[in-house]
All heavy atoms as atom14 arrays in JSON, in Angstrom:
{
  "sequence": "RHARATSIRVALHGREDAVFLSVQDDGIGMSEAEMAGR",
  "atom14_mask": [
    [1, 1, 1, 1, 1, 1, 1, 1, 1, 1, 1, 0, 0, 0],
    [1, 1, 1, 1, 1, 1, 1, 1, 1, 1, 0, 0, 0, 0],
    [1, 1, 1, 1, 1, 0, 0, 0, 0, 0, 0, 0, 0, 0],
    [1, 1, 1, 1, 1, 1, 1, 1, 1, 1, 1, 0, 0, 0],
    [1, 1, 1, 1, 1, 0, 0, 0, 0, 0, 0, 0, 0, 0],
    [1, 1, 1, 1, 1, 1, 1, 0, 0, 0, 0, 0, 0, 0],
    [1, 1, 1, 1, 1, 1, 0, 0, 0, 0, 0, 0, 0, 0],
    [1, 1, 1, 1, 1, 1, 1, 1, 0, 0, 0, 0, 0, 0],
    [1, 1, 1, 1, 1, 1, 1, 1, 1, 1, 1, 0, 0, 0],
    [1, 1, 1, 1, 1, 1, 1, 0, 0, 0, 0, 0, 0, 0],
    [1, 1, 1, 1, 1, 0, 0, 0, 0, 0, 0, 0, 0, 0],
    [1, 1, 1, 1, 1, 1, 1, 1, 0, 0, 0, 0, 0, 0],
    [1, 1, 1, 1, 1, 1, 1, 1, 1, 1, 0, 0, 0, 0],
    [1, 1, 1, 1, 0, 0, 0, 0, 0, 0, 0, 0, 0, 0],
    [1, 1, 1, 1, 1, 1, 1, 1, 1, 1, 1, 0, 0, 0],
    [1, 1, 1, 1, 1, 1, 1, 1, 1, 0, 0, 0, 0, 0],
    [1, 1, 1, 1, 1, 1, 1, 1, 0, 0, 0, 0, 0, 0],
    [1, 1, 1, 1, 1, 0, 0, 0, 0, 0, 0, 0, 0, 0],
    [1, 1, 1, 1, 1, 1, 1, 0, 0, 0, 0, 0, 0, 0],
    [1, 1, 1, 1, 1, 1, 1, 1, 1, 1, 1, 0, 0, 0],
    [1, 1, 1, 1, 1, 1, 1, 1, 0, 0, 0, 0, 0, 0],
    [1, 1, 1, 1, 1, 1, 0, 0, 0, 0, 0, 0, 0, 0],
    [1, 1, 1, 1, 1, 1, 1, 0, 0, 0, 0, 0, 0, 0],
    [1, 1, 1, 1, 1, 1, 1, 1, 1, 0, 0, 0, 0, 0],
    [1, 1, 1, 1, 1, 1, 1, 1, 0, 0, 0, 0, 0, 0],
    [1, 1, 1, 1, 1, 1, 1, 1, 0, 0, 0, 0, 0, 0],
    [1, 1, 1, 1, 0, 0, 0, 0, 0, 0, 0, 0, 0, 0],
    [1, 1, 1, 1, 1, 1, 1, 1, 0, 0, 0, 0, 0, 0],
    [1, 1, 1, 1, 0, 0, 0, 0, 0, 0, 0, 0, 0, 0],
    [1, 1, 1, 1, 1, 1, 1, 1, 0, 0, 0, 0, 0, 0],
    [1, 1, 1, 1, 1, 1, 0, 0, 0, 0, 0, 0, 0, 0],
    [1, 1, 1, 1, 1, 1, 1, 1, 1, 0, 0, 0, 0, 0],
    [1, 1, 1, 1, 1, 0, 0, 0, 0, 0, 0, 0, 0, 0],
    [1, 1, 1, 1, 1, 1, 1, 1, 1, 0, 0, 0, 0, 0],
    [1, 1, 1, 1, 1, 1, 1, 1, 0, 0, 0, 0, 0, 0],
    [1, 1, 1, 1, 1, 0, 0, 0, 0, 0, 0, 0, 0, 0],
    [1, 1, 1, 1, 0, 0, 0, 0, 0, 0, 0, 0, 0, 0],
    [1, 1, 1, 1, 1, 1, 1, 1, 1, 1, 1, 0, 0, 0]
  ],
  "atom14_positions": [
    [[3.75, -11.3, -3.92], [5.09, -11.75, -4.23], [6.05, -11.62, -2.97], [6.95, -12.38, -2.66], [5.84, -11.06, -5.33], [5.22, -11.63, -6.54], [6.03, -10.93, -7.88], [5.54, -11.39, -9.12], [5.8, -10.75, -10.14], [6.6, -9.64, -10.19], [5.3, -11.2, -11.29], [0.0, 0.0, 0.0], [0.0, 0.0, 0.0], [0.0, 0.0, 0.0]],
    [[5.76, -10.49, -2.24], [6.74, -10.15, -1.21], [6.29, -9.95, 0.2], [6.91, -10.14, 1.16], [7.35, -8.75, -1.63], [7.92, -8.7, -3.02], [9.05, -9.48, -3.36], [7.53, -8.05, -4.1], [9.24, -9.29, -4.7], [8.38, -8.44, -5.14], [0.0, 0.0, 0.0], [0.0, 0.0, 0.0], [0.0, 0.0, 0.0], [0.0, 0.0, 0.0]],
    [[5.02, -9.54, 0.31], [4.42, -9.02, 1.75], [4.1, -10.14, 2.71], [4.18, -9.8, 3.87], [3.3, -8.04, 1.49], [0.0, 0.0, 0.0], [0.0, 0.0, 0.0], [0.0, 0.0, 0.0], [0.0, 0.0, 0.0], [0.0, 0.0, 0.0], [0.0, 0.0, 0.0], [0.0, 0.0, 0.0], [0.0, 0.0, 0.0], [0.0, 0.0, 0.0]],
    [[3.73, -11.29, 2.2], [3.18, -12.32, 3.02], [2.0, -11.83, 3.89], [1.82, -12.01, 5.16], [4.3, -12.87, 3.94], [5.35, -13.66, 3.15], [6.32, -14.29, 4.05], [7.6, -13.83, 3.72], [8.67, -13.97, 4.57], [8.68, -14.17, 5.69], [9.92, -13.5, 4.06], [0.0, 0.0, 0.0], [0.0, 0.0, 0.0], [0.0, 0.0, 0.0]],
    [[1.25, -10.97, 3.32], [0.11, -10.46, 3.96], [-1.12, -11.36, 4.1], [-1.14, -12.22, 3.38], [-0.4, -9.17, 3.11], [0.0, 0.0, 0.0], [0.0, 0.0, 0.0], [0.0, 0.0, 0.0], [0.0, 0.0, 0.0], [0.0, 0.0, 0.0], [0.0, 0.0, 0.0], [0.0, 0.0, 0.0], [0.0, 0.0, 0.0], [0.0, 0.0, 0.0]],
    [[-1.82, -11.22, 5.19], [-2.97, -12.06, 5.29], [-4.22, -11.25, 5.13], [-5.3, -11.66, 4.86], [-3.26, -12.51, 6.84], [-3.21, -11.41, 7.75], [-2.04, -13.56, 7.11], [0.0, 0.0, 0.0], [0.0, 0.0, 0.0], [0.0, 0.0, 0.0], [0.0, 0.0, 0.0], [0.0, 0.0, 0.0], [0.0, 0.0, 0.0], [0.0, 0.0, 0.0]],
    [[-4.06, -9.89, 4.96], [-5.23, -8.87, 4.67], [-4.64, -7.8, 3.81], [-3.61, -7.17, 4.19], [-5.8, -8.43, 6.0], [-6.77, -7.59, 5.66], [0.0, 0.0, 0.0], [0.0, 0.0, 0.0], [0.0, 0.0, 0.0], [0.0, 0.0, 0.0], [0.0, 0.0, 0.0], [0.0, 0.0, 0.0], [0.0, 0.0, 0.0], [0.0, 0.0, 0.0]],
    [[-5.45, -7.39, 2.89], [-5.1, -6.24, 1.99], [-6.46, -5.42, 1.95], [-7.42, -5.91, 1.61], [-4.63, -6.6, 0.63], [-3.46, -7.63, 0.74], [-4.33, -5.37, -0.27], [-3.25, -8.24, -0.58], [0.0, 0.0, 0.0], [0.0, 0.0, 0.0], [0.0, 0.0, 0.0], [0.0, 0.0, 0.0], [0.0, 0.0, 0.0], [0.0, 0.0, 0.0]],
    [[-6.23, -4.22, 2.15], [-7.41, -3.12, 2.04], [-7.16, -2.2, 0.8], [-6.09, -1.57, 0.81], [-7.58, -2.43, 3.28], [-8.88, -1.51, 3.28], [-8.97, -0.82, 4.62], [-10.28, -0.11, 4.56], [-10.18, 1.23, 4.48], [-9.02, 1.88, 4.55], [-11.38, 1.96, 4.56], [0.0, 0.0, 0.0], [0.0, 0.0, 0.0], [0.0, 0.0, 0.0]],
    [[-8.06, -2.25, -0.04], [-8.0, -1.31, -1.23], [-9.21, -0.31, -1.07], [-10.27, -0.64, -0.93], [-8.12, -2.02, -2.62], [-7.97, -1.03, -3.67], [-7.02, -3.08, -2.73], [0.0, 0.0, 0.0], [0.0, 0.0, 0.0], [0.0, 0.0, 0.0], [0.0, 0.0, 0.0], [0.0, 0.0, 0.0], [0.0, 0.0, 0.0], [0.0, 0.0, 0.0]],
    [[-8.86, 0.92, -1.11], [-9.93, 2.01, -0.89], [-9.72, 3.04, -2.06], [-8.55, 3.54, -2.28], [-9.76, 2.67, 0.53], [0.0, 0.0, 0.0], [0.0, 0.0, 0.0], [0.0, 0.0, 0.0], [0.0, 0.0, 0.0], [0.0, 0.0, 0.0], [0.0, 0.0, 0.0], [0.0, 0.0, 0.0], [0.0, 0.0, 0.0], [0.0, 0.0, 0.0]],
    [[-10.78, 3.37, -2.59], [-10.74, 4.5, -3.69], [-11.84, 5.58, -3.34], [-13.02, 5.18, -3.08], [-11.12, 3.83, -5.06], [-11.09, 4.79, -6.24], [-9.78, 5.32, -6.49], [-11.6, 4.01, -7.46], [0.0, 0.0, 0.0], [0.0, 0.0, 0.0], [0.0, 0.0, 0.0], [0.0, 0.0, 0.0], [0.0, 0.0, 0.0], [0.0, 0.0, 0.0]],
    [[-11.39, 6.7, -3.29], [-12.33, 7.87, -2.85], [-12.18, 8.87, -3.94], [-11.04, 9.37, -4.18], [-11.92, 8.41, -1.52], [-12.67, 9.63, -1.2], [-14.05, 9.62, -0.89], [-12.38, 10.91, -1.13], [-14.49, 10.81, -0.63], [-13.45, 11.62, -0.66], [0.0, 0.0, 0.0], [0.0, 0.0, 0.0], [0.0, 0.0, 0.0], [0.0, 0.0, 0.0]],
    [[-13.25, 9.25, -4.55], [-13.26, 10.4, -5.56], [-13.89, 11.56, -5.03], [-14.87, 11.55, -4.38], [0.0, 0.0, 0.0], [0.0, 0.0, 0.0], [0.0, 0.0, 0.0], [0.0, 0.0, 0.0], [0.0, 0.0, 0.0], [0.0, 0.0, 0.0], [0.0, 0.0, 0.0], [0.0, 0.0, 0.0], [0.0, 0.0, 0.0], [0.0, 0.0, 0.0]],
    [[-13.17, 12.77, -5.23], [-13.73, 14.05, -4.99], [-13.82, 14.72, -6.34], [-13.43, 14.24, -7.37], [-12.79, 14.86, -4.07], [-12.8, 14.33, -2.7], [-12.07, 15.33, -1.71], [-11.04, 16.12, -2.37], [-9.92, 16.51, -1.79], [-9.73, 16.33, -0.47], [-9.15, 17.36, -2.39], [0.0, 0.0, 0.0], [0.0, 0.0, 0.0], [0.0, 0.0, 0.0]],
    [[-14.51, 15.9, -6.35], [-14.58, 16.57, -7.49], [-13.26, 17.06, -8.12], [-13.14, 17.15, -9.28], [-15.53, 17.84, -7.37], [-17.01, 17.45, -7.1], [-17.86, 18.7, -6.88], [-17.43, 19.76, -7.14], [-18.99, 18.44, -6.53], [0.0, 0.0, 0.0], [0.0, 0.0, 0.0], [0.0, 0.0, 0.0], [0.0, 0.0, 0.0], [0.0, 0.0, 0.0]],
    [[-12.29, 17.22, -7.41], [-10.99, 17.66, -7.71], [-9.91, 16.69, -7.85], [-8.85, 16.93, -8.41], [-10.52, 18.86, -6.82], [-10.34, 18.46, -5.44], [-10.89, 17.45, -5.03], [-9.55, 19.02, -4.72], [0.0, 0.0, 0.0], [0.0, 0.0, 0.0], [0.0, 0.0, 0.0], [0.0, 0.0, 0.0], [0.0, 0.0, 0.0], [0.0, 0.0, 0.0]],
    [[-10.1, 15.49, -7.27], [-9.05, 14.49, -7.23], [-9.58, 13.2, -6.85], [-10.73, 13.05, -6.35], [-7.89, 14.91, -6.25], [0.0, 0.0, 0.0], [0.0, 0.0, 0.0], [0.0, 0.0, 0.0], [0.0, 0.0, 0.0], [0.0, 0.0, 0.0], [0.0, 0.0, 0.0], [0.0, 0.0, 0.0], [0.0, 0.0, 0.0], [0.0, 0.0, 0.0]],
    [[-8.83, 12.1, -7.09], [-9.09, 10.77, -6.86], [-8.06, 10.29, -5.89], [-6.81, 10.58, -6.16], [-9.45, 9.85, -8.08], [-8.29, 9.74, -8.88], [-9.92, 8.54, -7.64], [0.0, 0.0, 0.0], [0.0, 0.0, 0.0], [0.0, 0.0, 0.0], [0.0, 0.0, 0.0], [0.0, 0.0, 0.0], [0.0, 0.0, 0.0], [0.0, 0.0, 0.0]],
    [[-8.41, 9.53, -4.89], [-7.36, 9.06, -3.87], [-7.49, 7.52, -3.8], [-8.58, 6.95, -3.72], [-7.65, 9.58, -2.58], [-7.68, 11.12, -2.52], [-8.83, 11.99, -2.66], [-6.5, 11.71, -2.31], [-8.7, 13.28, -2.75], [-6.5, 13.17, -2.18], [-7.54, 13.86, -2.36], [0.0, 0.0, 0.0], [0.0, 0.0, 0.0], [0.0, 0.0, 0.0]],
    [[-6.3, 6.81, -3.79], [-6.29, 5.4, -3.83], [-5.36, 5.11, -2.61], [-4.35, 5.68, -2.46], [-5.64, 4.9, -5.08], [-5.3, 3.32, -5.14], [-6.64, 2.59, -4.98], [-4.59, 3.08, -6.39], [0.0, 0.0, 0.0], [0.0, 0.0, 0.0], [0.0, 0.0, 0.0], [0.0, 0.0, 0.0], [0.0, 0.0, 0.0], [0.0, 0.0, 0.0]],
    [[-5.81, 4.09, -1.89], [-5.06, 3.5, -0.73], [-4.98, 2.04, -1.02], [-6.0, 1.48, -1.01], [-5.6, 3.91, 0.59], [-4.92, 3.25, 1.56], [0.0, 0.0, 0.0], [0.0, 0.0, 0.0], [0.0, 0.0, 0.0], [0.0, 0.0, 0.0], [0.0, 0.0, 0.0], [0.0, 0.0, 0.0], [0.0, 0.0, 0.0], [0.0, 0.0, 0.0]],
    [[-3.82, 1.4, -0.83], [-3.68, -0.06, -0.78], [-2.84, -0.29, 0.49], [-1.65, 0.07, 0.6], [-3.01, -0.59, -1.99], [-2.88, -2.14, -1.88], [-3.74, -0.25, -3.26], [0.0, 0.0, 0.0], [0.0, 0.0, 0.0], [0.0, 0.0, 0.0], [0.0, 0.0, 0.0], [0.0, 0.0, 0.0], [0.0, 0.0, 0.0], [0.0, 0.0, 0.0]],
    [[-3.47, -1.03, 1.45], [-2.77, -1.16, 2.71], [-2.75, -2.69, 2.99], [-3.68, -3.31, 2.87], [-3.45, -0.39, 3.77], [-2.86, -0.47, 5.18], [-3.56, 0.44, 6.08], [-4.72, 0.8, 5.97], [-2.95, 0.74, 7.25], [0.0, 0.0, 0.0], [0.0, 0.0, 0.0], [0.0, 0.0, 0.0], [0.0, 0.0, 0.0], [0.0, 0.0, 0.0]],
    [[-1.5, -3.15, 3.46], [-1.39, -4.61, 3.81], [-0.82, -4.84, 5.21], [-0.38, -3.88, 5.75], [-0.69, -5.46, 2.78], [0.86, -5.11, 2.89], [1.43, -5.33, 3.84], [1.37, -4.69, 1.86], [0.0, 0.0, 0.0], [0.0, 0.0, 0.0], [0.0, 0.0, 0.0], [0.0, 0.0, 0.0], [0.0, 0.0, 0.0], [0.0, 0.0, 0.0]],
    [[-1.04, -5.96, 5.68], [-0.65, -6.34, 7.0], [0.64, -7.18, 6.92], [0.89, -8.01, 7.88], [-1.69, -6.83, 7.98], [-2.24, -8.17, 7.41], [-1.84, -8.72, 6.33], [-3.03, -8.88, 8.02], [0.0, 0.0, 0.0], [0.0, 0.0, 0.0], [0.0, 0.0, 0.0], [0.0, 0.0, 0.0], [0.0, 0.0, 0.0], [0.0, 0.0, 0.0]],
    [[1.37, -7.1, 6.03], [2.47, -8.06, 5.64], [3.68, -7.62, 6.5], [3.61, -6.97, 7.47], [0.0, 0.0, 0.0], [0.0, 0.0, 0.0], [0.0, 0.0, 0.0], [0.0, 0.0, 0.0], [0.0, 0.0, 0.0], [0.0, 0.0, 0.0], [0.0, 0.0, 0.0], [0.0, 0.0, 0.0], [0.0, 0.0, 0.0], [0.0, 0.0, 0.0]],
    [[4.93, -8.24, 5.96], [6.13, -8.08, 6.62], [6.73, -6.67, 6.55], [7.73, -6.41, 7.29], [7.1, -9.11, 6.28], [7.5, -9.01, 4.67], [6.66, -10.52, 6.5], [8.61, -9.85, 4.21], [0.0, 0.0, 0.0], [0.0, 0.0, 0.0], [0.0, 0.0, 0.0], [0.0, 0.0, 0.0], [0.0, 0.0, 0.0], [0.0, 0.0, 0.0]],
    [[6.22, -5.84, 5.73], [6.76, -4.47, 5.56], [8.09, -4.46, 4.87], [8.63, -5.46, 4.39], [0.0, 0.0, 0.0], [0.0, 0.0, 0.0], [0.0, 0.0, 0.0], [0.0, 0.0, 0.0], [0.0, 0.0, 0.0], [0.0, 0.0, 0.0], [0.0, 0.0, 0.0], [0.0, 0.0, 0.0], [0.0, 0.0, 0.0], [0.0, 0.0, 0.0]],
    [[8.59, -3.27, 4.75], [10.0, -2.99, 4.15], [10.78, -2.16, 5.01], [10.19, -1.24, 5.71], [9.72, -2.22, 2.91], [9.01, -2.99, 1.72], [8.99, -2.16, 0.16], [7.76, -0.91, 0.45], [0.0, 0.0, 0.0], [0.0, 0.0, 0.0], [0.0, 0.0, 0.0], [0.0, 0.0, 0.0], [0.0, 0.0, 0.0], [0.0, 0.0, 0.0]],
    [[12.02, -2.53, 5.04], [13.01, -1.68, 5.81], [13.23, -0.35, 4.98], [12.88, -0.26, 3.83], [14.23, -2.43, 5.94], [14.92, -2.6, 4.72], [0.0, 0.0, 0.0], [0.0, 0.0, 0.0], [0.0, 0.0, 0.0], [0.0, 0.0, 0.0], [0.0, 0.0, 0.0], [0.0, 0.0, 0.0], [0.0, 0.0, 0.0], [0.0, 0.0, 0.0]],
    [[13.96, 0.61, 5.65], [14.33, 1.84, 4.99], [15.19, 1.45, 3.72], [15.02, 2.16, 2.72], [15.03, 2.79, 5.98], [14.14, 3.35, 6.9], [14.76, 4.36, 7.84], [15.6, 5.14, 7.29], [14.33, 4.51, 8.99], [0.0, 0.0, 0.0], [0.0, 0.0, 0.0], [0.0, 0.0, 0.0], [0.0, 0.0, 0.0], [0.0, 0.0, 0.0]],
    [[16.08, 0.63, 3.84], [17.0, 0.17, 2.74], [16.0, -0.41, 1.51], [16.38, 0.01, 0.38], [17.98, -0.78, 3.18], [0.0, 0.0, 0.0], [0.0, 0.0, 0.0], [0.0, 0.0, 0.0], [0.0, 0.0, 0.0], [0.0, 0.0, 0.0], [0.0, 0.0, 0.0], [0.0, 0.0, 0.0], [0.0, 0.0, 0.0], [0.0, 0.0, 0.0]],
    [[15.18, -1.15, 1.94], [14.24, -1.78, 0.73], [13.54, -0.58, 0.18], [13.24, -0.7, -1.07], [13.48, -2.84, 1.36], [14.17, -4.12, 1.71], [13.33, -5.09, 2.58], [12.56, -4.63, 3.46], [13.38, -6.24, 2.25], [0.0, 0.0, 0.0], [0.0, 0.0, 0.0], [0.0, 0.0, 0.0], [0.0, 0.0, 0.0], [0.0, 0.0, 0.0]],
    [[13.01, 0.38, 1.0], [12.21, 1.44, 0.42], [13.06, 2.37, -0.42], [12.59, 2.81, -1.46], [11.72, 2.38, 1.6], [10.75, 1.71, 2.5], [9.02, 1.74, 1.88], [8.84, 3.53, 1.99], [0.0, 0.0, 0.0], [0.0, 0.0, 0.0], [0.0, 0.0, 0.0], [0.0, 0.0, 0.0], [0.0, 0.0, 0.0], [0.0, 0.0, 0.0]],
    [[14.29, 2.49, -0.13], [15.29, 3.47, -0.96], [15.57, 2.67, -2.3], [15.71, 3.3, -3.28], [16.56, 3.6, -0.14], [0.0, 0.0, 0.0], [0.0, 0.0, 0.0], [0.0, 0.0, 0.0], [0.0, 0.0, 0.0], [0.0, 0.0, 0.0], [0.0, 0.0, 0.0], [0.0, 0.0, 0.0], [0.0, 0.0, 0.0], [0.0, 0.0, 0.0]],
    [[15.66, 1.42, -2.33], [16.0, 0.56, -3.47], [14.64, 0.16, -4.29], [14.31, -0.98, -4.43], [0.0, 0.0, 0.0], [0.0, 0.0, 0.0], [0.0, 0.0, 0.0], [0.0, 0.0, 0.0], [0.0, 0.0, 0.0], [0.0, 0.0, 0.0], [0.0, 0.0, 0.0], [0.0, 0.0, 0.0], [0.0, 0.0, 0.0], [0.0, 0.0, 0.0]],
    [[13.94, 1.19, -4.71], [12.63, 0.79, -5.31], [12.76, 0.06, -6.6], [13.69, 0.3, -7.47], [11.88, 2.12, -5.67], [11.45, 2.86, -4.41], [10.8, 4.24, -4.85], [10.7, 5.02, -3.64], [9.4, 5.33, -3.14], [8.33, 4.97, -3.67], [9.36, 6.08, -2.05], [0.0, 0.0, 0.0], [0.0, 0.0, 0.0], [0.0, 0.0, 0.0]]
  ]
}
């Protein structure tokens, strides 16, 4: 809807004590004001 990304990387890593998820895109990003207005 918002990023205008051409590439998105989803990574899931599980350890015995936690699971880690990363979703990274190469889109237009967000300004600090946009980040504050979640």
